[in-house]
N, C-alpha and C. Protein backbone atom coordinates (compact mmCIF):
# COMPACT_ATOMS: atom_id res chain seq x y z
N MET A 1 0.86 -1.08 -0.27
CA MET A 1 0.11 -0.09 -0.05
C MET A 1 0.50 1.75 0.01
N GLU A 2 0.51 2.25 -0.90
CA GLU A 2 1.16 3.62 -0.87
C GLU A 2 1.15 4.29 0.78
N ASN A 3 1.74 5.30 0.94
CA ASN A 3 1.84 6.59 1.77
C ASN A 3 0.32 7.42 1.67
N ILE A 4 0.20 7.46 2.76
CA ILE A 4 -0.83 7.88 3.17
C ILE A 4 -0.32 9.90 3.50
N LYS A 5 -1.52 10.74 3.64
CA LYS A 5 -1.45 12.34 4.30
C LYS A 5 -2.18 12.10 5.30
N VAL A 6 -2.00 12.90 6.20
CA VAL A 6 -2.99 12.90 7.13
C VAL A 6 -2.30 14.27 7.72
N LYS A 7 -3.55 14.67 8.05
CA LYS A 7 -3.79 15.93 9.27
C LYS A 7 -2.91 15.99 10.77
N LYS A 8 -1.85 16.84 10.59
CA LYS A 8 -0.90 16.78 11.52
C LYS A 8 -1.15 16.90 13.10
N GLU A 9 -2.65 17.65 13.14
CA GLU A 9 -3.60 17.94 14.40
C GLU A 9 -4.84 17.12 15.04
N GLU A 10 -5.06 15.82 13.83
CA GLU A 10 -5.73 15.22 13.61
C GLU A 10 -5.09 13.82 13.98
N LEU A 11 -3.85 13.48 13.85
CA LEU A 11 -3.01 12.77 14.16
C LEU A 11 -2.30 12.58 15.72
N LEU A 12 -1.85 13.92 15.97
CA LEU A 12 -1.58 14.42 17.00
C LEU A 12 -2.60 13.96 17.79
N THR A 13 -3.97 14.28 18.25
CA THR A 13 -4.87 13.88 19.25
C THR A 13 -5.34 12.90 18.99
N ILE A 14 -5.27 11.87 17.51
CA ILE A 14 -5.24 10.12 18.14
C ILE A 14 -4.07 10.01 18.94
N LEU A 15 -2.95 10.13 18.97
CA LEU A 15 -1.58 9.40 19.10
C LEU A 15 -1.26 9.93 20.93
N LYS A 16 -2.32 11.42 21.45
CA LYS A 16 -2.45 11.91 22.56
C LYS A 16 -3.81 10.61 23.15
N LYS A 17 -4.43 10.29 22.63
CA LYS A 17 -5.31 10.03 23.47
C LYS A 17 -4.81 8.27 23.31
N ASN A 18 -3.87 7.65 22.63
CA ASN A 18 -3.66 5.84 22.76
C ASN A 18 -2.37 6.23 23.77
N ARG A 19 -1.60 7.33 24.18
CA ARG A 19 -0.63 7.78 24.53
C ARG A 19 -1.45 7.26 26.36
N GLU A 20 -2.25 8.31 26.41
CA GLU A 20 -3.04 8.39 28.04
C GLU A 20 -3.80 6.75 28.15
N ASN A 21 -4.43 6.82 26.76
CA ASN A 21 -4.83 4.99 27.21
C ASN A 21 -3.48 3.97 27.64
N HIS A 22 -2.35 3.88 27.43
CA HIS A 22 -1.24 3.38 27.19
C HIS A 22 -0.83 3.22 28.92
N ARG A 23 -1.16 4.93 28.86
CA ARG A 23 -0.40 5.19 31.10
C ARG A 23 -1.21 5.05 31.82
N VAL A 24 -2.83 4.72 31.57
CA VAL A 24 -3.28 4.53 31.95
C VAL A 24 -3.09 3.16 32.81
N ILE A 25 -3.23 1.61 31.81
CA ILE A 25 -2.67 0.22 31.80
C ILE A 25 -1.11 0.67 32.55
N PHE A 26 -0.66 1.23 32.37
CA PHE A 26 0.72 0.76 32.89
C PHE A 26 0.21 1.45 34.86
N LEU A 27 -0.11 2.49 34.95
CA LEU A 27 0.21 3.16 36.05
C LEU A 27 -0.94 2.49 37.24
N GLU A 28 -2.25 1.51 36.17
CA GLU A 28 -2.70 0.39 36.81
C GLU A 28 -1.89 -0.75 37.32
N ALA A 29 -0.96 -1.01 35.93
CA ALA A 29 -0.12 -2.52 36.64
C ALA A 29 0.64 -1.88 37.43
N LEU A 30 1.40 -0.56 37.92
CA LEU A 30 2.50 -0.08 38.62
C LEU A 30 1.68 -0.16 39.96
N ASP A 31 0.47 -0.27 40.10
CA ASP A 31 -0.44 -0.21 41.38
C ASP A 31 -0.62 -1.50 41.83
N GLY A 32 -0.73 -2.05 40.80
CA GLY A 32 -1.55 -3.72 41.09
C GLY A 32 -0.13 -4.01 41.86
N PHE A 33 1.29 -4.24 40.67
CA PHE A 33 2.48 -4.78 40.93
C PHE A 33 2.71 -4.34 43.04
N ARG A 34 2.45 -3.21 42.43
CA ARG A 34 2.78 -2.95 44.42
C ARG A 34 2.76 -3.43 45.67
N LYS A 35 0.83 -3.27 45.24
CA LYS A 35 0.52 -4.54 45.96
C LYS A 35 0.38 -5.78 46.20
N LYS A 36 0.84 -6.33 45.20
CA LYS A 36 1.30 -7.88 45.04
C LYS A 36 2.99 -7.91 45.78
N ALA A 37 3.31 -6.91 45.58
CA ALA A 37 4.66 -6.81 46.91
C ALA A 37 4.79 -6.74 47.74
N ILE A 38 3.97 -5.77 48.27
CA ILE A 38 3.35 -5.66 49.31
C ILE A 38 2.94 -6.84 50.02
N VAL A 39 2.24 -7.63 49.76
CA VAL A 39 1.28 -8.85 49.82
C VAL A 39 3.15 -9.97 50.26
N GLU A 40 3.18 -9.89 49.21
CA GLU A 40 4.95 -10.97 49.27
C GLU A 40 5.54 -10.48 50.51
N PHE A 41 6.16 -9.39 50.82
CA PHE A 41 7.13 -9.32 51.48
C PHE A 41 6.17 -9.36 52.62
N GLU A 42 5.50 -9.18 52.88
CA GLU A 42 4.49 -8.96 54.20
C GLU A 42 4.72 -10.78 54.58
N LYS A 43 4.07 -11.78 53.49
CA LYS A 43 3.91 -12.90 53.98
C LYS A 43 5.31 -13.12 54.33
N GLN A 44 6.58 -13.28 53.77
CA GLN A 44 8.02 -13.79 54.03
C GLN A 44 8.92 -13.40 55.46
N LEU A 45 8.21 -11.73 55.67
CA LEU A 45 8.24 -10.79 56.73
C LEU A 45 7.41 -11.63 57.66
N GLU A 46 6.95 -11.89 58.16
CA GLU A 46 5.86 -12.76 58.86
C GLU A 46 6.39 -13.90 59.08
N ALA A 47 7.15 -15.04 57.87
CA ALA A 47 7.45 -16.30 58.35
C ALA A 47 8.96 -16.01 58.98
N ALA A 48 9.72 -14.98 58.32
CA ALA A 48 10.87 -14.45 59.03
C ALA A 48 10.88 -14.93 60.58
N LYS A 49 9.79 -13.92 60.92
CA LYS A 49 9.75 -13.26 62.05
C LYS A 49 8.44 -14.71 62.99
N ALA A 50 8.42 -15.31 62.39
CA ALA A 50 7.76 -17.18 63.44
C ALA A 50 9.09 -17.89 62.94
N GLY A 51 10.52 -17.69 62.72
CA GLY A 51 11.46 -18.82 62.44
C GLY A 51 11.10 -19.31 61.56
N LYS A 52 10.14 -19.27 60.45
CA LYS A 52 9.70 -20.46 59.21
C LYS A 52 10.35 -20.28 58.29
N LYS A 53 10.87 -21.32 57.05
CA LYS A 53 11.53 -20.74 56.02
C LYS A 53 11.01 -19.53 54.96
N PHE A 54 12.03 -19.18 54.88
CA PHE A 54 11.15 -17.82 54.16
C PHE A 54 12.10 -17.87 52.52
N ASP A 55 11.82 -16.94 52.06
CA ASP A 55 12.67 -16.12 50.79
C ASP A 55 13.04 -14.66 50.83
N VAL A 56 14.07 -14.49 50.62
CA VAL A 56 14.49 -12.94 50.46
C VAL A 56 14.20 -12.17 48.86
N TYR A 57 14.32 -13.73 47.86
CA TYR A 57 14.14 -13.18 46.25
C TYR A 57 12.29 -13.55 46.58
N ILE A 58 11.84 -12.36 45.60
CA ILE A 58 10.27 -12.76 45.40
C ILE A 58 10.41 -12.52 44.11
N ASN A 59 9.76 -12.95 43.36
CA ASN A 59 9.56 -13.49 41.68
C ASN A 59 8.53 -12.80 41.37
N LEU A 60 8.66 -11.33 40.96
CA LEU A 60 7.67 -10.88 40.41
C LEU A 60 7.90 -9.98 39.59
N THR A 61 7.57 -10.09 38.13
CA THR A 61 8.05 -9.11 37.10
C THR A 61 7.68 -7.51 37.06
N LEU A 62 8.40 -6.62 37.21
CA LEU A 62 8.27 -5.39 36.68
C LEU A 62 7.06 -5.21 35.53
N PRO A 63 6.11 -4.30 35.47
CA PRO A 63 5.39 -4.47 34.95
C PRO A 63 6.04 -3.50 33.62
N HIS A 64 5.75 -3.01 32.27
CA HIS A 64 5.92 -2.82 31.07
C HIS A 64 5.76 -1.29 30.54
N ASP A 65 6.38 -0.58 30.32
CA ASP A 65 6.19 1.06 30.14
C ASP A 65 6.93 1.10 29.02
N GLN A 66 5.84 1.71 27.55
CA GLN A 66 6.34 2.05 26.42
C GLN A 66 5.82 3.72 25.89
N THR A 67 5.61 4.06 27.06
CA THR A 67 5.36 5.67 27.17
C THR A 67 6.44 6.67 25.95
N LYS A 68 7.87 6.35 26.47
CA LYS A 68 8.59 6.63 25.72
C LYS A 68 8.84 7.28 24.35
N ASP A 69 7.84 5.86 23.82
CA ASP A 69 7.96 5.63 22.04
C ASP A 69 6.50 7.06 22.06
N TYR A 70 5.22 6.84 22.59
CA TYR A 70 4.27 7.62 22.48
C TYR A 70 4.90 9.39 21.98
N ASP A 71 5.90 9.42 23.16
CA ASP A 71 6.56 11.14 23.74
C ASP A 71 7.05 11.26 22.51
N ARG A 72 7.94 9.45 21.91
CA ARG A 72 9.00 10.14 21.24
C ARG A 72 8.14 10.75 19.57
N ALA A 73 7.34 10.13 19.10
CA ALA A 73 6.39 9.92 18.24
C ALA A 73 5.12 11.98 18.61
N ILE A 74 5.36 12.29 19.43
CA ILE A 74 4.35 13.49 20.06
C ILE A 74 5.00 14.51 19.27
N GLY A 75 6.18 14.34 20.09
CA GLY A 75 7.25 15.27 20.30
C GLY A 75 7.90 15.94 18.76
N MET A 76 8.38 14.51 18.05
CA MET A 76 8.59 14.73 16.39
C MET A 76 7.29 15.32 15.83
N LEU A 77 5.97 15.39 15.84
CA LEU A 77 5.11 15.48 14.97
C LEU A 77 4.33 16.93 15.49
N SER A 78 4.90 17.37 16.74
CA SER A 78 5.16 18.39 17.54
C SER A 78 5.93 19.78 16.91
N MET A 79 7.55 19.12 16.59
CA MET A 79 8.27 19.91 15.92
C MET A 79 7.89 20.07 14.41
N SER A 80 7.01 19.27 14.08
CA SER A 80 7.10 19.87 12.21
C SER A 80 6.53 20.69 12.30
N VAL A 81 6.74 21.26 11.01
CA VAL A 81 6.52 23.06 10.07
C VAL A 81 5.45 22.12 9.96
N GLU A 82 5.34 21.08 9.45
CA GLU A 82 4.19 21.09 8.04
C GLU A 82 2.50 20.38 8.95
N ASP A 83 1.85 21.08 8.06
CA ASP A 83 0.03 20.75 8.44
C ASP A 83 -0.04 19.09 8.60
N VAL A 84 0.42 18.88 6.77
CA VAL A 84 0.05 17.37 6.31
C VAL A 84 1.33 16.31 6.52
N ILE A 85 0.87 15.24 7.49
CA ILE A 85 1.82 14.51 7.71
C ILE A 85 2.16 13.26 6.87
N GLU A 86 3.04 12.71 5.95
CA GLU A 86 2.76 11.10 5.58
C GLU A 86 3.02 10.32 5.72
N LEU A 87 2.02 9.59 6.09
CA LEU A 87 2.88 8.01 6.84
C LEU A 87 2.82 6.83 6.22
N SER A 88 3.59 6.03 6.85
CA SER A 88 4.10 4.84 5.74
C SER A 88 2.58 3.43 6.04
N GLU A 89 2.26 2.70 5.84
CA GLU A 89 1.05 2.16 6.50
C GLU A 89 1.92 1.22 7.86
N HIS A 90 3.23 0.89 7.93
CA HIS A 90 3.49 0.69 9.40
C HIS A 90 3.35 2.11 10.33
N GLU A 91 3.80 3.05 9.87
CA GLU A 91 3.08 4.20 10.87
C GLU A 91 1.76 4.70 11.67
N TYR A 92 1.04 3.98 10.10
CA TYR A 92 0.06 4.65 10.36
C TYR A 92 -0.37 2.89 11.46
N GLN A 93 -0.50 1.87 11.27
CA GLN A 93 -0.72 0.77 12.43
C GLN A 93 -0.40 1.32 13.82
N GLN A 94 0.68 1.91 14.05
CA GLN A 94 1.58 2.20 15.36
C GLN A 94 1.09 3.46 16.03
N TYR A 95 0.50 4.75 14.70
CA TYR A 95 0.61 5.73 15.29
C TYR A 95 -1.62 5.70 15.53
N VAL A 96 -1.58 5.27 14.71
CA VAL A 96 -3.43 5.64 14.54
C VAL A 96 -4.09 4.13 15.35
N MET A 97 -3.32 2.80 14.75
CA MET A 97 -4.19 2.06 15.01
C MET A 97 -3.62 1.51 16.04
N ASP A 98 -2.71 2.34 17.21
CA ASP A 98 -2.23 1.93 18.49
C ASP A 98 -1.70 0.52 18.71
N ASP A 99 -1.26 0.20 17.32
CA ASP A 99 -0.79 -1.39 17.16
C ASP A 99 0.91 -1.19 17.02
N TRP A 100 1.38 -1.50 18.09
CA TRP A 100 3.24 -1.02 17.78
C TRP A 100 3.49 -2.57 17.78
N SER A 101 5.00 -2.61 18.04
CA SER A 101 5.55 -3.87 17.81
C SER A 101 6.07 -4.78 19.27
N TRP A 102 5.74 -4.08 19.82
CA TRP A 102 5.61 -3.91 21.91
C TRP A 102 4.30 -4.60 22.35
N LYS A 103 3.05 -4.69 22.03
CA LYS A 103 1.82 -4.28 21.92
C LYS A 103 1.70 -5.69 22.94
N MET A 104 1.67 -6.53 21.82
CA MET A 104 1.23 -7.70 22.38
C MET A 104 2.03 -8.42 23.91
N ASN A 105 3.60 -8.11 23.95
CA ASN A 105 4.27 -8.27 25.22
C ASN A 105 3.85 -6.91 26.53
N PHE A 106 3.57 -5.98 25.96
CA PHE A 106 2.79 -4.90 27.11
C PHE A 106 1.79 -5.66 27.35
N LEU A 107 0.70 -5.38 26.63
CA LEU A 107 -0.64 -7.02 27.42
C LEU A 107 -0.35 -7.34 28.13
N THR A 108 0.24 -8.32 27.78
CA THR A 108 0.46 -10.11 28.70
C THR A 108 1.23 -9.70 29.70
N GLY A 109 2.40 -8.99 29.66
CA GLY A 109 3.04 -8.67 30.69
C GLY A 109 2.80 -7.87 31.62
N ASN A 110 1.23 -6.88 31.43
CA ASN A 110 0.75 -6.35 32.64
C ASN A 110 -0.54 -6.71 32.71
N SER A 111 -1.00 -7.50 32.30
CA SER A 111 -2.66 -7.97 32.41
C SER A 111 -2.26 -9.38 33.66
N THR A 112 -1.11 -9.22 34.44
CA THR A 112 -1.34 -9.72 35.59
C THR A 112 -1.65 -8.87 37.20
N TYR A 113 -1.25 -7.65 36.91
CA TYR A 113 -1.85 -6.81 37.42
C TYR A 113 -2.62 -5.30 37.38
N SER A 114 -3.44 -5.56 36.39
CA SER A 114 -4.01 -4.79 35.77
C SER A 114 -5.45 -5.29 34.28
N GLY A 115 -6.29 -5.14 35.13
CA GLY A 115 -8.14 -5.50 34.88
C GLY A 115 -7.90 -5.26 33.61
N THR A 116 -7.30 -4.16 33.28
CA THR A 116 -7.68 -2.90 32.11
C THR A 116 -6.82 -4.05 30.82
N ALA A 117 -5.70 -4.35 31.08
CA ALA A 117 -4.22 -4.65 29.65
C ALA A 117 -4.62 -6.12 29.67
N ALA A 118 -6.00 -7.02 31.07
CA ALA A 118 -6.04 -8.40 30.54
C ALA A 118 -7.60 -8.42 29.48
N ALA A 119 -8.04 -7.75 30.28
CA ALA A 119 -9.33 -6.44 29.42
C ALA A 119 -9.11 -6.79 28.15
N GLU A 120 -8.07 -5.84 27.59
CA GLU A 120 -7.97 -5.68 26.07
C GLU A 120 -6.86 -6.97 25.65
N LEU A 121 -5.83 -7.60 26.03
CA LEU A 121 -5.63 -8.31 25.95
C LEU A 121 -6.28 -9.85 25.15
N ASP A 122 -8.12 -10.22 25.98
CA ASP A 122 -8.41 -10.96 25.60
C ASP A 122 -9.20 -10.12 24.68
N ILE A 123 -9.40 -9.20 24.55
CA ILE A 123 -10.05 -8.69 22.77
C ILE A 123 -9.21 -9.17 21.95
N GLN A 124 -7.92 -8.37 22.46
CA GLN A 124 -6.72 -8.86 21.07
C GLN A 124 -6.59 -9.79 20.64
N SER A 125 -6.43 -11.00 21.37
CA SER A 125 -5.73 -12.51 21.36
C SER A 125 -7.30 -13.49 20.96
N SER A 126 -8.48 -12.75 20.69
CA SER A 126 -10.13 -13.69 20.45
C SER A 126 -10.66 -13.24 19.40
N TRP A 127 -10.24 -12.16 18.49
CA TRP A 127 -10.81 -11.70 17.61
C TRP A 127 -11.06 -11.99 16.78
N PRO A 128 -9.74 -13.62 15.96
CA PRO A 128 -10.23 -13.98 15.23
C PRO A 128 -10.85 -15.39 15.21
N SER A 129 -11.15 -15.51 16.47
CA SER A 129 -12.02 -17.05 16.29
C SER A 129 -13.49 -16.03 16.59
N LYS A 130 -13.83 -15.03 16.64
CA LYS A 130 -15.09 -14.10 16.75
C LYS A 130 -15.61 -14.19 15.12
N LEU A 131 -14.85 -14.49 14.29
CA LEU A 131 -14.79 -14.45 12.85
C LEU A 131 -15.78 -15.75 12.11
N LYS A 132 -15.39 -16.60 12.85
CA LYS A 132 -15.80 -18.17 12.31
C LYS A 132 -17.00 -17.77 11.98
């Protein structure tokens, strides 16, 4: 497919909304991570105080955050002197459709701590089966 031209202000609006949605998921996942970590730390502390076996290492994966990718794209667009921006199919997929190469990893990793990420992951992973 050939490149398309879009109005810079419309693209900026879409990118900022996508960034905001991304950030909500990350912050929700970060909050969920902290809560799970506190529960795990408290369990291990109680076990240690009671003289029972306890772990010093807690195996929790940190939430993923790709906000810088949005910030970079928004910054570049904001600095552009053009009112109309040409996008490739790949750029359209990322900026408009919010479908980045890291999107599934972001949702999968954060779905442990974020209900919003889990719900979006469910939608993303099940849509082809709904076509049958």
